[in-house]
């Protein structure tokens, strides 16, 4: 039988005390640019899903499936001779099954939206240093379970604010280094609130 870790507040505090204090030091030697996101980028980050898988899921679940259901429902109505506008037909045709589906769909779409923290993009001169920052962030996640925006800024030597400690990542597998005009940008997933 498996041994499960206790989940009480006392055991959580004991685990926190057992971890050494997190020390994050600057590991970048080259120049670092902190670039604020413009208005278009901020709007795009709100409305455009983070990755292609989310876009595919959105298109299939929220556009294609409802359209196909409407087509099938209209075909059944035509076949049975039920007039959609007048509601003439059997009593079963007056049951509003669609409203139940719409409520479920609204709940699911709200659950899929993720609110993130708007932090500055980090641009480095050297691709190797950018990769090294990602590697160190991965190590911090392995050791402490998360890495904050403040930790990222400490790694590259950028001054942040207090709120940067409250947002971060528990997984950065989708992070990458992207070539941009000024150097190499560290592209990270949305930073989410951390407890």
C-alpha atoms as a PDB file:
ATOM      1  CA  UNK A   1       0.000   0.000   0.000  1.00  0.00           C
ATOM      2  CA  UNK A   2       1.221   3.504  -0.836  1.00  0.00           C
ATOM      3  CA  UNK A   3       2.256   6.008   1.799  1.00  0.00           C
ATOM      4  CA  UNK A   4       0.512   9.336   1.338  1.00  0.00           C
ATOM      5  CA  UNK A   5       1.903  12.591   2.642  1.00  0.00           C
ATOM      6  CA  UNK A   6      -0.161  14.258   5.354  1.00  0.00           C
ATOM      7  CA  UNK A   7      -2.168  17.260   4.186  1.00  0.00           C
ATOM      8  CA  UNK A   8      -2.664  19.135   7.455  1.00  0.00           C
ATOM      9  CA  UNK A   9      -1.563  22.726   7.974  1.00  0.00           C
ATOM     10  CA  UNK A  10       1.011  21.580  10.504  1.00  0.00           C
ATOM     11  CA  UNK A  11       2.660  19.136   8.090  1.00  0.00           C
ATOM     12  CA  UNK A  12       2.668  21.752   5.303  1.00  0.00           C
ATOM     13  CA  UNK A  13       4.429  24.217   7.615  1.00  0.00           C
ATOM     14  CA  UNK A  14       6.969  21.548   8.607  1.00  0.00           C
ATOM     15  CA  UNK A  15       7.710  20.855   4.933  1.00  0.00           C
ATOM     16  CA  UNK A  16       8.197  24.582   4.279  1.00  0.00           C
ATOM     17  CA  UNK A  17      10.582  24.806   7.219  1.00  0.00           C
ATOM     18  CA  UNK A  18      12.547  21.812   5.921  1.00  0.00           C
ATOM     19  CA  UNK A  19      13.284  23.543   2.591  1.00  0.00           C
ATOM     20  CA  UNK A  20      16.297  25.833   2.553  1.00  0.00           C
ATOM     21  CA  UNK A  21      15.558  29.504   1.955  1.00  0.00           C
ATOM     22  CA  UNK A  22      15.294  30.279  -1.740  1.00  0.00           C
ATOM     23  CA  UNK A  23      18.289  32.255  -2.989  1.00  0.00           C
ATOM     24  CA  UNK A  24      18.132  33.398  -6.581  1.00  0.00           C
ATOM     25  CA  UNK A  25      21.177  35.152  -7.978  1.00  0.00           C
ATOM     26  CA  UNK A  26      21.836  36.823 -11.305  1.00  0.00           C
ATOM     27  CA  UNK A  27      23.301  34.362 -13.814  1.00  0.00           C
ATOM     28  CA  UNK A  28      23.361  36.610 -16.907  1.00  0.00           C
ATOM     29  CA  UNK A  29      26.530  38.498 -17.865  1.00  0.00           C
ATOM     30  CA  UNK A  30      25.346  40.196 -21.079  1.00  0.00           C
ATOM     31  CA  UNK A  31      22.905  43.052 -21.409  1.00  0.00           C
ATOM     32  CA  UNK A  32      19.255  42.482 -20.545  1.00  0.00           C
ATOM     33  CA  UNK A  33      16.321  44.457 -21.861  1.00  0.00           C
ATOM     34  CA  UNK A  34      12.978  44.560 -20.157  1.00  0.00           C
ATOM     35  CA  UNK A  35      10.313  45.343 -22.743  1.00  0.00           C
ATOM     36  CA  UNK A  36       6.776  46.356 -21.830  1.00  0.00           C
ATOM     37  CA  UNK A  37       3.968  44.789 -23.867  1.00  0.00           C
ATOM     38  CA  UNK A  38       2.100  47.170 -26.154  1.00  0.00           C
ATOM     39  CA  UNK A  39      -1.685  47.469 -26.241  1.00  0.00           C
ATOM     40  CA  UNK A  40      -2.133  44.995 -29.103  1.00  0.00           C
ATOM     41  CA  UNK A  41      -0.055  42.343 -27.328  1.00  0.00           C
ATOM     42  CA  UNK A  42      -2.042  42.805 -24.114  1.00  0.00           C
ATOM     43  CA  UNK A  43      -5.368  42.444 -25.931  1.00  0.00           C
ATOM     44  CA  UNK A  44      -4.103  39.441 -27.902  1.00  0.00           C
ATOM     45  CA  UNK A  45      -2.970  37.707 -24.715  1.00  0.00           C
ATOM     46  CA  UNK A  46      -6.487  38.041 -23.304  1.00  0.00           C
ATOM     47  CA  UNK A  47      -8.419  36.809 -26.341  1.00  0.00           C
ATOM     48  CA  UNK A  48      -6.029  34.412 -28.068  1.00  0.00           C
ATOM     49  CA  UNK A  49      -5.458  31.092 -26.300  1.00  0.00           C
ATOM     50  CA  UNK A  50      -1.963  30.358 -25.115  1.00  0.00           C
ATOM     51  CA  UNK A  51      -1.157  27.470 -27.435  1.00  0.00           C
ATOM     52  CA  UNK A  52      -2.365  25.728 -30.564  1.00  0.00           C
ATOM     53  CA  UNK A  53      -4.002  22.890 -28.625  1.00  0.00           C
ATOM     54  CA  UNK A  54      -6.300  25.385 -26.906  1.00  0.00           C
ATOM     55  CA  UNK A  55      -7.180  26.962 -30.271  1.00  0.00           C
ATOM     56  CA  UNK A  56      -8.021  23.548 -31.725  1.00  0.00           C
ATOM     57  CA  UNK A  57     -10.144  22.649 -28.703  1.00  0.00           C
ATOM     58  CA  UNK A  58     -11.915  26.007 -28.841  1.00  0.00           C
ATOM     59  CA  UNK A  59     -12.735  25.673 -32.553  1.00  0.00           C
ATOM     60  CA  UNK A  60     -13.975  22.106 -32.232  1.00  0.00           C
ATOM     61  CA  UNK A  61     -15.935  22.404 -28.965  1.00  0.00           C
ATOM     62  CA  UNK A  62     -17.299  25.928 -29.238  1.00  0.00           C
ATOM     63  CA  UNK A  63     -17.832  26.343 -32.994  1.00  0.00           C
ATOM     64  CA  UNK A  64     -17.946  23.059 -34.926  1.00  0.00           C
ATOM     65  CA  UNK A  65     -19.856  20.843 -32.468  1.00  0.00           C
ATOM     66  CA  UNK A  66     -22.704  23.340 -31.848  1.00  0.00           C
ATOM     67  CA  UNK A  67     -23.007  24.031 -35.589  1.00  0.00           C
ATOM     68  CA  UNK A  68     -23.211  20.303 -36.393  1.00  0.00           C
ATOM     69  CA  UNK A  69     -25.820  19.814 -33.644  1.00  0.00           C
ATOM     70  CA  UNK A  70     -27.905  22.659 -35.082  1.00  0.00           C
ATOM     71  CA  UNK A  71     -27.707  21.143 -38.582  1.00  0.00           C
ATOM     72  CA  UNK A  72     -28.802  17.718 -37.315  1.00  0.00           C
ATOM     73  CA  UNK A  73     -31.614  19.251 -35.246  1.00  0.00           C
ATOM     74  CA  UNK A  74     -32.868  21.229 -38.266  1.00  0.00           C
ATOM     75  CA  UNK A  75     -32.751  18.095 -40.448  1.00  0.00           C
ATOM     76  CA  UNK A  76     -34.798  16.140 -37.876  1.00  0.00           C
ATOM     77  CA  UNK A  77     -37.331  18.960 -37.684  1.00  0.00           C
ATOM     78  CA  UNK A  78     -37.716  19.012 -41.479  1.00  0.00           C
ATOM     79  CA  UNK A  79     -38.006  15.221 -41.612  1.00  0.00           C
ATOM     80  CA  UNK A  80     -40.732  15.178 -38.891  1.00  0.00           C
ATOM     81  CA  UNK A  81     -42.502  18.194 -40.359  1.00  0.00           C
ATOM     82  CA  UNK A  82     -42.093  20.355 -37.278  1.00  0.00           C
ATOM     83  CA  UNK A  83     -42.192  24.074 -37.994  1.00  0.00           C
ATOM     84  CA  UNK A  84     -39.432  25.707 -35.979  1.00  0.00           C
ATOM     85  CA  UNK A  85     -41.171  29.120 -35.731  1.00  0.00           C
ATOM     86  CA  UNK A  86     -44.721  28.092 -34.873  1.00  0.00           C
ATOM     87  CA  UNK A  87     -43.741  25.217 -32.610  1.00  0.00           C
ATOM     88  CA  UNK A  88     -46.365  22.909 -34.126  1.00  0.00           C
ATOM     89  CA  UNK A  89     -45.614  19.274 -33.577  1.00  0.00           C
ATOM     90  CA  UNK A  90     -45.591  16.824 -30.735  1.00  0.00           C
ATOM     91  CA  UNK A  91     -45.275  17.854 -27.088  1.00  0.00           C
ATOM     92  CA  UNK A  92     -41.761  16.411 -27.005  1.00  0.00           C
ATOM     93  CA  UNK A  93     -40.575  19.055 -29.445  1.00  0.00           C
ATOM     94  CA  UNK A  94     -41.301  21.793 -26.872  1.00  0.00           C
ATOM     95  CA  UNK A  95     -38.742  20.565 -24.326  1.00  0.00           C
ATOM     96  CA  UNK A  96     -35.823  23.015 -24.286  1.00  0.00           C
ATOM     97  CA  UNK A  97     -32.864  20.643 -24.242  1.00  0.00           C
ATOM     98  CA  UNK A  98     -30.744  23.310 -25.895  1.00  0.00           C
ATOM     99  CA  UNK A  99     -30.828  25.542 -22.808  1.00  0.00           C
ATOM    100  CA  UNK A 100     -29.302  22.757 -20.695  1.00  0.00           C
ATOM    101  CA  UNK A 101     -26.508  22.319 -23.215  1.00  0.00           C
ATOM    102  CA  UNK A 102     -25.880  26.075 -23.372  1.00  0.00           C
ATOM    103  CA  UNK A 103     -25.578  26.320 -19.568  1.00  0.00           C
ATOM    104  CA  UNK A 104     -23.015  23.498 -19.493  1.00  0.00           C
ATOM    105  CA  UNK A 105     -21.089  25.062 -22.348  1.00  0.00           C
ATOM    106  CA  UNK A 106     -20.976  28.437 -20.591  1.00  0.00           C
ATOM    107  CA  UNK A 107     -19.665  26.816 -17.399  1.00  0.00           C
ATOM    108  CA  UNK A 108     -16.955  24.988 -19.334  1.00  0.00           C
ATOM    109  CA  UNK A 109     -15.874  28.052 -21.305  1.00  0.00           C
ATOM    110  CA  UNK A 110     -15.569  30.095 -18.100  1.00  0.00           C
ATOM    111  CA  UNK A 111     -13.481  27.324 -16.524  1.00  0.00           C
ATOM    112  CA  UNK A 112     -11.115  27.328 -19.511  1.00  0.00           C
ATOM    113  CA  UNK A 113     -10.268  31.030 -19.338  1.00  0.00           C
ATOM    114  CA  UNK A 114      -7.143  31.739 -17.399  1.00  0.00           C
ATOM    115  CA  UNK A 115      -6.284  35.064 -15.879  1.00  0.00           C
ATOM    116  CA  UNK A 116      -2.579  35.767 -15.945  1.00  0.00           C
ATOM    117  CA  UNK A 117      -0.203  38.442 -14.710  1.00  0.00           C
ATOM    118  CA  UNK A 118       1.129  41.029 -17.111  1.00  0.00           C
ATOM    119  CA  UNK A 119       4.920  41.085 -16.716  1.00  0.00           C
ATOM    120  CA  UNK A 120       7.617  42.559 -18.963  1.00  0.00           C
ATOM    121  CA  UNK A 121       9.227  40.477 -21.706  1.00  0.00           C
ATOM    122  CA  UNK A 122      12.899  39.693 -21.100  1.00  0.00           C
ATOM    123  CA  UNK A 123      15.289  40.021 -24.049  1.00  0.00           C
ATOM    124  CA  UNK A 124      18.895  38.832 -23.778  1.00  0.00           C
ATOM    125  CA  UNK A 125      21.861  39.259 -26.151  1.00  0.00           C
ATOM    126  CA  UNK A 126      22.925  35.625 -26.004  1.00  0.00           C
ATOM    127  CA  UNK A 127      20.795  32.539 -26.728  1.00  0.00           C
ATOM    128  CA  UNK A 128      22.930  30.410 -24.400  1.00  0.00           C
ATOM    129  CA  UNK A 129      22.241  32.688 -21.453  1.00  0.00           C
ATOM    130  CA  UNK A 130      18.504  32.660 -22.228  1.00  0.00           C
ATOM    131  CA  UNK A 131      18.546  28.842 -22.252  1.00  0.00           C
ATOM    132  CA  UNK A 132      20.514  28.885 -18.992  1.00  0.00           C
ATOM    133  CA  UNK A 133      17.817  31.086 -17.391  1.00  0.00           C
ATOM    134  CA  UNK A 134      15.141  28.556 -18.417  1.00  0.00           C
ATOM    135  CA  UNK A 135      17.250  25.697 -17.038  1.00  0.00           C
ATOM    136  CA  UNK A 136      17.686  27.486 -13.707  1.00  0.00           C
ATOM    137  CA  UNK A 137      13.935  28.211 -13.562  1.00  0.00           C
ATOM    138  CA  UNK A 138      13.294  24.479 -14.102  1.00  0.00           C
ATOM    139  CA  UNK A 139      15.677  23.678 -11.243  1.00  0.00           C
ATOM    140  CA  UNK A 140      13.815  26.101  -8.957  1.00  0.00           C
ATOM    141  CA  UNK A 141      10.514  24.416  -9.847  1.00  0.00           C
ATOM    142  CA  UNK A 142      12.021  20.990  -9.091  1.00  0.00           C
ATOM    143  CA  UNK A 143      13.364  22.170  -5.747  1.00  0.00           C
ATOM    144  CA  UNK A 144      10.567  24.481  -4.496  1.00  0.00           C
ATOM    145  CA  UNK A 145       7.563  23.489  -6.610  1.00  0.00           C
ATOM    146  CA  UNK A 146       7.304  26.901  -8.274  1.00  0.00           C
ATOM    147  CA  UNK A 147       9.223  29.845  -9.655  1.00  0.00           C
ATOM    148  CA  UNK A 148       7.946  33.421  -9.409  1.00  0.00           C
ATOM    149  CA  UNK A 149       8.183  36.360 -11.790  1.00  0.00           C
ATOM    150  CA  UNK A 150      10.461  37.958  -9.167  1.00  0.00           C
ATOM    151  CA  UNK A 151      12.779  34.919  -9.424  1.00  0.00           C
ATOM    152  CA  UNK A 152      12.943  35.380 -13.203  1.00  0.00           C
ATOM    153  CA  UNK A 153      13.814  39.042 -12.748  1.00  0.00           C
ATOM    154  CA  UNK A 154      16.475  38.135 -10.136  1.00  0.00           C
ATOM    155  CA  UNK A 155      18.023  35.608 -12.532  1.00  0.00           C
ATOM    156  CA  UNK A 156      18.434  38.233 -15.257  1.00  0.00           C
ATOM    157  CA  UNK A 157      19.198  41.182 -12.972  1.00  0.00           C
ATOM    158  CA  UNK A 158      16.046  43.236 -13.585  1.00  0.00           C
ATOM    159  CA  UNK A 159      14.376  45.164 -10.774  1.00  0.00           C
ATOM    160  CA  UNK A 160      10.731  44.214 -10.335  1.00  0.00           C
ATOM    161  CA  UNK A 161       8.064  45.092  -7.810  1.00  0.00           C
ATOM    162  CA  UNK A 162       6.473  43.363  -4.825  1.00  0.00           C
ATOM    163  CA  UNK A 163       3.584  41.918  -6.870  1.00  0.00           C
ATOM    164  CA  UNK A 164       6.075  39.884  -8.923  1.00  0.00           C
ATOM    165  CA  UNK A 165       6.430  37.566  -5.905  1.00  0.00           C
ATOM    166  CA  UNK A 166       2.731  36.660  -6.041  1.00  0.00           C
ATOM    167  CA  UNK A 167       2.708  35.341  -9.621  1.00  0.00           C
ATOM    168  CA  UNK A 168       4.699  32.604 -11.278  1.00  0.00           C
ATOM    169  CA  UNK A 169       4.780  29.127 -12.751  1.00  0.00           C
ATOM    170  CA  UNK A 170       4.691  25.553 -11.552  1.00  0.00           C
ATOM    171  CA  UNK A 171       5.440  24.237 -15.042  1.00  0.00           C
ATOM    172  CA  UNK A 172       7.430  25.880 -17.839  1.00  0.00           C
ATOM    173  CA  UNK A 173       7.692  22.962 -20.276  1.00  0.00           C
ATOM    174  CA  UNK A 174       6.068  25.076 -22.983  1.00  0.00           C
ATOM    175  CA  UNK A 175       8.606  27.901 -22.494  1.00  0.00           C
ATOM    176  CA  UNK A 176      11.056  28.641 -25.269  1.00  0.00           C
ATOM    177  CA  UNK A 177      13.711  31.061 -26.439  1.00  0.00           C
ATOM    178  CA  UNK A 178      12.660  33.023 -29.516  1.00  0.00           C
ATOM    179  CA  UNK A 179      14.858  35.102 -31.799  1.00  0.00           C
ATOM    180  CA  UNK A 180      13.637  38.719 -31.991  1.00  0.00           C
ATOM    181  CA  UNK A 181      15.077  41.860 -33.546  1.00  0.00           C
ATOM    182  CA  UNK A 182      16.877  42.967 -30.346  1.00  0.00           C
ATOM    183  CA  UNK A 183      18.227  39.541 -29.315  1.00  0.00           C
ATOM    184  CA  UNK A 184      16.625  36.476 -27.750  1.00  0.00           C
ATOM    185  CA  UNK A 185      13.331  36.678 -25.888  1.00  0.00           C
ATOM    186  CA  UNK A 186      12.300  34.189 -23.210  1.00  0.00           C
ATOM    187  CA  UNK A 187       8.751  33.211 -24.132  1.00  0.00           C
ATOM    188  CA  UNK A 188       6.939  31.849 -21.084  1.00  0.00           C
ATOM    189  CA  UNK A 189       3.373  30.683 -20.425  1.00  0.00           C
ATOM    190  CA  UNK A 190       1.023  32.988 -18.543  1.00  0.00           C
ATOM    191  CA  UNK A 191       2.098  33.692 -14.980  1.00  0.00           C
ATOM    192  CA  UNK A 192      -0.646  32.600 -12.605  1.00  0.00           C
ATOM    193  CA  UNK A 193      -1.306  33.488  -8.951  1.00  0.00           C
ATOM    194  CA  UNK A 194       0.754  31.406  -6.542  1.00  0.00           C
ATOM    195  CA  UNK A 195      -0.109  30.670  -2.918  1.00  0.00           C
END
